[in-house]
Amino acid sequence: MKTPADGARSGAPPERIDISSARELDKWSRRLDVTHDRLREAVRAVGSRAADIEWHLRGSRGAPRTARG
């Protein structure tokens, strides 16, 4: 299922995180409140889509997840 974060409703392409760019690493590390290393690990784990990375990082921090019924 697509979410607004990945451009499903706006028609915009999903945001991607380019870990080969120091500027991108800095920007996204601050935005997601993680270290560069943690961000690189997340990109390797789930790919470069920002929405997927954010979801992955939240799950790995033990954030509460909503139940779907």
PDB file of N, CA and C in Angstrom:
ATOM      1  N   MET A   1       0.841  -1.173   0.000  1.00  0.00           N
ATOM      2  CA  MET A   1       0.000   0.000   0.000  1.00  0.00           C
ATOM      3  C   MET A   1       0.886   1.237   0.000  1.00  0.00           C
ATOM      4  N   LYS A   2       0.570   2.201  -0.839  1.00  0.00           N
ATOM      5  CA  LYS A   2       1.348   3.428  -0.885  1.00  0.00           C
ATOM      6  C   LYS A   2       0.834   4.416   0.149  1.00  0.00           C
ATOM      7  N   THR A   3       1.750   5.238   0.625  1.00  0.00           N
ATOM      8  CA  THR A   3       1.406   6.247   1.617  1.00  0.00           C
ATOM      9  C   THR A   3       1.664   7.628   1.031  1.00  0.00           C
ATOM     10  N   PRO A   4       1.119   8.674   1.634  1.00  0.00           N
ATOM     11  CA  PRO A   4       1.388  10.024   1.138  1.00  0.00           C
ATOM     12  C   PRO A   4       2.876  10.334   1.109  1.00  0.00           C
ATOM     13  N   ALA A   5       3.646   9.752   2.016  1.00  0.00           N
ATOM     14  CA  ALA A   5       5.083  10.022   2.069  1.00  0.00           C
ATOM     15  C   ALA A   5       5.804   9.545   0.823  1.00  0.00           C
ATOM     16  N   ASP A   6       5.264   8.532   0.149  1.00  0.00           N
ATOM     17  CA  ASP A   6       5.968   8.043  -1.027  1.00  0.00           C
ATOM     18  C   ASP A   6       5.386   8.596  -2.324  1.00  0.00           C
ATOM     19  N   GLY A   7       4.571   9.618  -2.243  1.00  0.00           N
ATOM     20  CA  GLY A   7       4.109  10.290  -3.434  1.00  0.00           C
ATOM     21  C   GLY A   7       2.863   9.706  -4.055  1.00  0.00           C
ATOM     22  N   ALA A   8       2.217   8.762  -3.395  1.00  0.00           N
ATOM     23  CA  ALA A   8       1.062   8.097  -3.972  1.00  0.00           C
ATOM     24  C   ALA A   8      -0.070   9.072  -4.285  1.00  0.00           C
ATOM     25  N   ARG A   9      -0.281  10.047  -3.417  1.00  0.00           N
ATOM     26  CA  ARG A   9      -1.396  10.970  -3.619  1.00  0.00           C
ATOM     27  C   ARG A   9      -0.979  12.240  -4.329  1.00  0.00           C
ATOM     28  N   SER A  10       0.242  12.672  -4.134  1.00  0.00           N
ATOM     29  CA  SER A  10       0.680  13.932  -4.713  1.00  0.00           C
ATOM     30  C   SER A  10       1.178  13.766  -6.139  1.00  0.00           C
ATOM     31  N   GLY A  11       1.480  12.552  -6.548  1.00  0.00           N
ATOM     32  CA  GLY A  11       2.031  12.318  -7.872  1.00  0.00           C
ATOM     33  C   GLY A  11       3.528  12.570  -7.928  1.00  0.00           C
ATOM     34  N   ALA A  12       4.112  13.024  -6.836  1.00  0.00           N
ATOM     35  CA  ALA A  12       5.550  13.274  -6.777  1.00  0.00           C
ATOM     36  C   ALA A  12       6.284  11.965  -6.531  1.00  0.00           C
ATOM     37  N   PRO A  13       7.496  11.850  -7.059  1.00  0.00           N
ATOM     38  CA  PRO A  13       8.273  10.636  -6.778  1.00  0.00           C
ATOM     39  C   PRO A  13       8.657  10.597  -5.308  1.00  0.00           C
ATOM     40  N   PRO A  14       8.859   9.400  -4.763  1.00  0.00           N
ATOM     41  CA  PRO A  14       9.242   9.299  -3.347  1.00  0.00           C
ATOM     42  C   PRO A  14      10.610   9.919  -3.109  1.00  0.00           C
ATOM     43  N   GLU A  15      10.809  10.487  -1.918  1.00  0.00           N
ATOM     44  CA  GLU A  15      12.112  11.041  -1.558  1.00  0.00           C
ATOM     45  C   GLU A  15      13.096   9.894  -1.374  1.00  0.00           C
ATOM     46  N   ARG A  16      14.295  10.108  -1.837  1.00  0.00           N
ATOM     47  CA  ARG A  16      15.365   9.116  -1.710  1.00  0.00           C
ATOM     48  C   ARG A  16      16.520   9.712  -0.926  1.00  0.00           C
ATOM     49  N   ILE A  17      17.229   8.866  -0.224  1.00  0.00           N
ATOM     50  CA  ILE A  17      18.388   9.305   0.550  1.00  0.00           C
ATOM     51  C   ILE A  17      19.643   8.761  -0.125  1.00  0.00           C
ATOM     52  N   ASP A  18      20.512   9.679  -0.536  1.00  0.00           N
ATOM     53  CA  ASP A  18      21.759   9.321  -1.206  1.00  0.00           C
ATOM     54  C   ASP A  18      22.875   9.309  -0.166  1.00  0.00           C
ATOM     55  N   ILE A  19      23.227   8.118   0.320  1.00  0.00           N
ATOM     56  CA  ILE A  19      24.233   8.029   1.384  1.00  0.00           C
ATOM     57  C   ILE A  19      25.653   8.261   0.868  1.00  0.00           C
ATOM     58  N   SER A  20      25.832   8.422  -0.434  1.00  0.00           N
ATOM     59  CA  SER A  20      27.162   8.718  -0.958  1.00  0.00           C
ATOM     60  C   SER A  20      27.452  10.223  -0.901  1.00  0.00           C
ATOM     61  N   SER A  21      26.468  11.022  -0.550  1.00  0.00           N
ATOM     62  CA  SER A  21      26.617  12.468  -0.452  1.00  0.00           C
ATOM     63  C   SER A  21      26.709  12.888   1.023  1.00  0.00           C
ATOM     64  N   ALA A  22      27.808  13.559   1.378  1.00  0.00           N
ATOM     65  CA  ALA A  22      27.987  14.023   2.757  1.00  0.00           C
ATOM     66  C   ALA A  22      26.872  14.980   3.156  1.00  0.00           C
ATOM     67  N   ARG A  23      26.452  15.827   2.234  1.00  0.00           N
ATOM     68  CA  ARG A  23      25.380  16.786   2.526  1.00  0.00           C
ATOM     69  C   ARG A  23      24.074  16.058   2.834  1.00  0.00           C
ATOM     70  N   GLU A  24      23.762  15.026   2.046  1.00  0.00           N
ATOM     71  CA  GLU A  24      22.546  14.237   2.280  1.00  0.00           C
ATOM     72  C   GLU A  24      22.621  13.497   3.617  1.00  0.00           C
ATOM     73  N   LEU A  25      23.779  12.922   3.909  1.00  0.00           N
ATOM     74  CA  LEU A  25      23.957  12.233   5.193  1.00  0.00           C
ATOM     75  C   LEU A  25      23.704  13.189   6.355  1.00  0.00           C
ATOM     76  N   ASP A  26      24.280  14.377   6.271  1.00  0.00           N
ATOM     77  CA  ASP A  26      24.076  15.364   7.342  1.00  0.00           C
ATOM     78  C   ASP A  26      22.604  15.736   7.466  1.00  0.00           C
ATOM     79  N   LYS A  27      21.982  16.071   6.342  1.00  0.00           N
ATOM     80  CA  LYS A  27      20.584  16.512   6.356  1.00  0.00           C
ATOM     81  C   LYS A  27      19.663  15.448   6.930  1.00  0.00           C
ATOM     82  N   TRP A  28      19.780  14.220   6.427  1.00  0.00           N
ATOM     83  CA  TRP A  28      18.869  13.156   6.860  1.00  0.00           C
ATOM     84  C   TRP A  28      19.195  12.651   8.258  1.00  0.00           C
ATOM     85  N   SER A  29      20.460  12.662   8.639  1.00  0.00           N
ATOM     86  CA  SER A  29      20.820  12.263  10.001  1.00  0.00           C
ATOM     87  C   SER A  29      20.195  13.207  11.016  1.00  0.00           C
ATOM     88  N   ARG A  30      20.250  14.503  10.719  1.00  0.00           N
ATOM     89  CA  ARG A  30      19.610  15.484  11.612  1.00  0.00           C
ATOM     90  C   ARG A  30      18.096  15.314  11.606  1.00  0.00           C
ATOM     91  N   ARG A  31      17.520  15.168  10.415  1.00  0.00           N
ATOM     92  CA  ARG A  31      16.066  15.057  10.300  1.00  0.00           C
ATOM     93  C   ARG A  31      15.526  13.828  11.028  1.00  0.00           C
ATOM     94  N   LEU A  32      16.268  12.713  10.948  1.00  0.00           N
ATOM     95  CA  LEU A  32      15.805  11.468  11.553  1.00  0.00           C
ATOM     96  C   LEU A  32      16.422  11.216  12.938  1.00  0.00           C
ATOM     97  N   ASP A  33      17.291  12.116  13.362  1.00  0.00           N
ATOM     98  CA  ASP A  33      17.931  12.028  14.674  1.00  0.00           C
ATOM     99  C   ASP A  33      18.677  10.714  14.867  1.00  0.00           C
ATOM    100  N   VAL A  34      19.543  10.399  13.906  1.00  0.00           N
ATOM    101  CA  VAL A  34      20.378   9.200  13.963  1.00  0.00           C
ATOM    102  C   VAL A  34      21.796   9.555  13.526  1.00  0.00           C
ATOM    103  N   THR A  35      22.733   8.681  13.834  1.00  0.00           N
ATOM    104  CA  THR A  35      24.113   8.874  13.384  1.00  0.00           C
ATOM    105  C   THR A  35      24.218   8.532  11.901  1.00  0.00           C
ATOM    106  N   HIS A  36      25.321   8.978  11.294  1.00  0.00           N
ATOM    107  CA  HIS A  36      25.573   8.630   9.893  1.00  0.00           C
ATOM    108  C   HIS A  36      25.634   7.113   9.716  1.00  0.00           C
ATOM    109  N   ASP A  37      26.304   6.449  10.641  1.00  0.00           N
ATOM    110  CA  ASP A  37      26.423   4.987  10.549  1.00  0.00           C
ATOM    111  C   ASP A  37      25.054   4.309  10.615  1.00  0.00           C
ATOM    112  N   ARG A  38      24.207   4.771  11.519  1.00  0.00           N
ATOM    113  CA  ARG A  38      22.868   4.176  11.663  1.00  0.00           C
ATOM    114  C   ARG A  38      22.045   4.413  10.402  1.00  0.00           C
ATOM    115  N   LEU A  39      22.185   5.591   9.811  1.00  0.00           N
ATOM    116  CA  LEU A  39      21.470   5.895   8.574  1.00  0.00           C
ATOM    117  C   LEU A  39      21.958   4.994   7.435  1.00  0.00           C
ATOM    118  N   ARG A  40      23.268   4.816   7.333  1.00  0.00           N
ATOM    119  CA  ARG A  40      23.814   3.922   6.301  1.00  0.00           C
ATOM    120  C   ARG A  40      23.287   2.488   6.480  1.00  0.00           C
ATOM    121  N   GLU A  41      23.254   2.023   7.730  1.00  0.00           N
ATOM    122  CA  GLU A  41      22.737   0.671   8.005  1.00  0.00           C
ATOM    123  C   GLU A  41      21.275   0.549   7.587  1.00  0.00           C
ATOM    124  N   ALA A  42      20.498   1.579   7.864  1.00  0.00           N
ATOM    125  CA  ALA A  42      19.073   1.552   7.509  1.00  0.00           C
ATOM    126  C   ALA A  42      18.896   1.517   5.992  1.00  0.00           C
ATOM    127  N   VAL A  43      19.693   2.294   5.267  1.00  0.00           N
ATOM    128  CA  VAL A  43      19.608   2.292   3.797  1.00  0.00           C
ATOM    129  C   VAL A  43      19.977   0.920   3.259  1.00  0.00           C
ATOM    130  N   ARG A  44      20.995   0.313   3.821  1.00  0.00           N
ATOM    131  CA  ARG A  44      21.374  -1.043   3.381  1.00  0.00           C
ATOM    132  C   ARG A  44      20.274  -2.054   3.679  1.00  0.00           C
ATOM    133  N   ALA A  45      19.568  -1.846   4.773  1.00  0.00           N
ATOM    134  CA  ALA A  45      18.531  -2.799   5.194  1.00  0.00           C
ATOM    135  C   ALA A  45      17.254  -2.689   4.361  1.00  0.00           C
ATOM    136  N   VAL A  46      16.829  -1.453   4.049  1.00  0.00           N
ATOM    137  CA  VAL A  46      15.509  -1.298   3.418  1.00  0.00           C
ATOM    138  C   VAL A  46      15.515  -0.535   2.095  1.00  0.00           C
ATOM    139  N   GLY A  47      16.676  -0.034   1.673  1.00  0.00           N
ATOM    140  CA  GLY A  47      16.722   0.729   0.427  1.00  0.00           C
ATOM    141  C   GLY A  47      16.757   2.223   0.699  1.00  0.00           C
ATOM    142  N   SER A  48      16.698   3.020  -0.351  1.00  0.00           N
ATOM    143  CA  SER A  48      16.929   4.461  -0.222  1.00  0.00           C
ATOM    144  C   SER A  48      15.668   5.317  -0.074  1.00  0.00           C
ATOM    145  N   ARG A  49      14.483   4.707  -0.095  1.00  0.00           N
ATOM    146  CA  ARG A  49      13.261   5.506   0.077  1.00  0.00           C
ATOM    147  C   ARG A  49      13.167   6.039   1.497  1.00  0.00           C
ATOM    148  N   ALA A  50      13.049   7.353   1.620  1.00  0.00           N
ATOM    149  CA  ALA A  50      13.028   8.003   2.937  1.00  0.00           C
ATOM    150  C   ALA A  50      11.917   7.466   3.830  1.00  0.00           C
ATOM    151  N   ALA A  51      10.737   7.239   3.269  1.00  0.00           N
ATOM    152  CA  ALA A  51       9.612   6.742   4.078  1.00  0.00           C
ATOM    153  C   ALA A  51       9.916   5.357   4.651  1.00  0.00           C
ATOM    154  N   ASP A  52      10.550   4.495   3.857  1.00  0.00           N
ATOM    155  CA  ASP A  52      10.906   3.158   4.332  1.00  0.00           C
ATOM    156  C   ASP A  52      11.967   3.224   5.424  1.00  0.00           C
ATOM    157  N   ILE A  53      12.932   4.118   5.238  1.00  0.00           N
ATOM    158  CA  ILE A  53      14.000   4.265   6.220  1.00  0.00           C
ATOM    159  C   ILE A  53      13.436   4.781   7.540  1.00  0.00           C
ATOM    160  N   GLU A  54      12.565   5.779   7.453  1.00  0.00           N
ATOM    161  CA  GLU A  54      11.965   6.320   8.668  1.00  0.00           C
ATOM    162  C   GLU A  54      11.175   5.243   9.411  1.00  0.00           C
ATOM    163  N   TRP A  55      10.401   4.468   8.687  1.00  0.00           N
ATOM    164  CA  TRP A  55       9.623   3.380   9.293  1.00  0.00           C
ATOM    165  C   TRP A  55      10.557   2.363   9.953  1.00  0.00           C
ATOM    166  N   HIS A  56      11.609   2.002   9.251  1.00  0.00           N
ATOM    167  CA  HIS A  56      12.583   1.037   9.768  1.00  0.00           C
ATOM    168  C   HIS A  56      13.236   1.547  11.046  1.00  0.00           C
ATOM    169  N   LEU A  57      13.657   2.798  11.043  1.00  0.00           N
ATOM    170  CA  LEU A  57      14.315   3.359  12.217  1.00  0.00           C
ATOM    171  C   LEU A  57      13.372   3.455  13.402  1.00  0.00           C
ATOM    172  N   ARG A  58      12.139   3.825  13.163  1.00  0.00           N
ATOM    173  CA  ARG A  58      11.168   3.894  14.255  1.00  0.00           C
ATOM    174  C   ARG A  58      10.939   2.515  14.853  1.00  0.00           C
ATOM    175  N   GLY A  59      10.846   1.513  14.011  1.00  0.00           N
ATOM    176  CA  GLY A  59      10.648   0.145  14.486  1.00  0.00           C
ATOM    177  C   GLY A  59      11.828  -0.360  15.276  1.00  0.00           C
ATOM    178  N   SER A  60      13.033   0.032  14.874  1.00  0.00           N
ATOM    179  CA  SER A  60      14.225  -0.452  15.566  1.00  0.00           C
ATOM    180  C   SER A  60      14.450   0.256  16.887  1.00  0.00           C
ATOM    181  N   ARG A  61      13.782   1.366  17.112  1.00  0.00           N
ATOM    182  CA  ARG A  61      13.894   2.086  18.383  1.00  0.00           C
ATOM    183  C   ARG A  61      12.872   1.606  19.394  1.00  0.00           C
ATOM    184  N   GLY A  62      12.017   0.687  18.995  1.00  0.00           N
ATOM    185  CA  GLY A  62      11.026   0.173  19.913  1.00  0.00           C
ATOM    186  C   GLY A  62       9.824   1.085  20.059  1.00  0.00           C
ATOM    187  N   ALA A  63       9.589   1.928  19.063  1.00  0.00           N
ATOM    188  CA  ALA A  63       8.427   2.814  19.108  1.00  0.00           C
ATOM    189  C   ALA A  63       7.160   1.988  19.074  1.00  0.00           C
ATOM    190  N   PRO A  64       6.125   2.462  19.721  1.00  0.00           N
ATOM    191  CA  PRO A  64       4.871   1.705  19.713  1.00  0.00           C
ATOM    192  C   PRO A  64       4.323   1.567  18.299  1.00  0.00           C
ATOM    193  N   ARG A  65       3.838   0.405  18.005  1.00  0.00           N
ATOM    194  CA  ARG A  65       3.238   0.151  16.694  1.00  0.00           C
ATOM    195  C   ARG A  65       1.748  -0.006  16.870  1.00  0.00           C
ATOM    196  N   THR A  66       1.003   0.490  15.930  1.00  0.00           N
ATOM    197  CA  THR A  66      -0.446   0.369  16.030  1.00  0.00           C
ATOM    198  C   THR A  66      -0.883  -0.985  15.512  1.00  0.00           C
ATOM    199  N   ALA A  67      -1.884  -1.544  16.150  1.00  0.00           N
ATOM    200  CA  ALA A  67      -2.417  -2.843  15.733  1.00  0.00           C
ATOM    201  C   ALA A  67      -3.384  -2.647  14.575  1.00  0.00           C
ATOM    202  N   ARG A  68      -3.314  -3.547  13.640  1.00  0.00           N
ATOM    203  CA  ARG A  68      -4.244  -3.512  12.520  1.00  0.00           C
ATOM    204  C   ARG A  68      -5.170  -4.697  12.642  1.00  0.00           C
ATOM    205  N   GLY A  69      -6.423  -4.434  12.474  1.00  0.00           N
ATOM    206  CA  GLY A  69      -7.363  -5.526  12.648  1.00  0.00           C
ATOM    207  C   GLY A  69      -8.200  -5.836  11.489  1.00  0.00           C
TER     208      GLY A  69
END
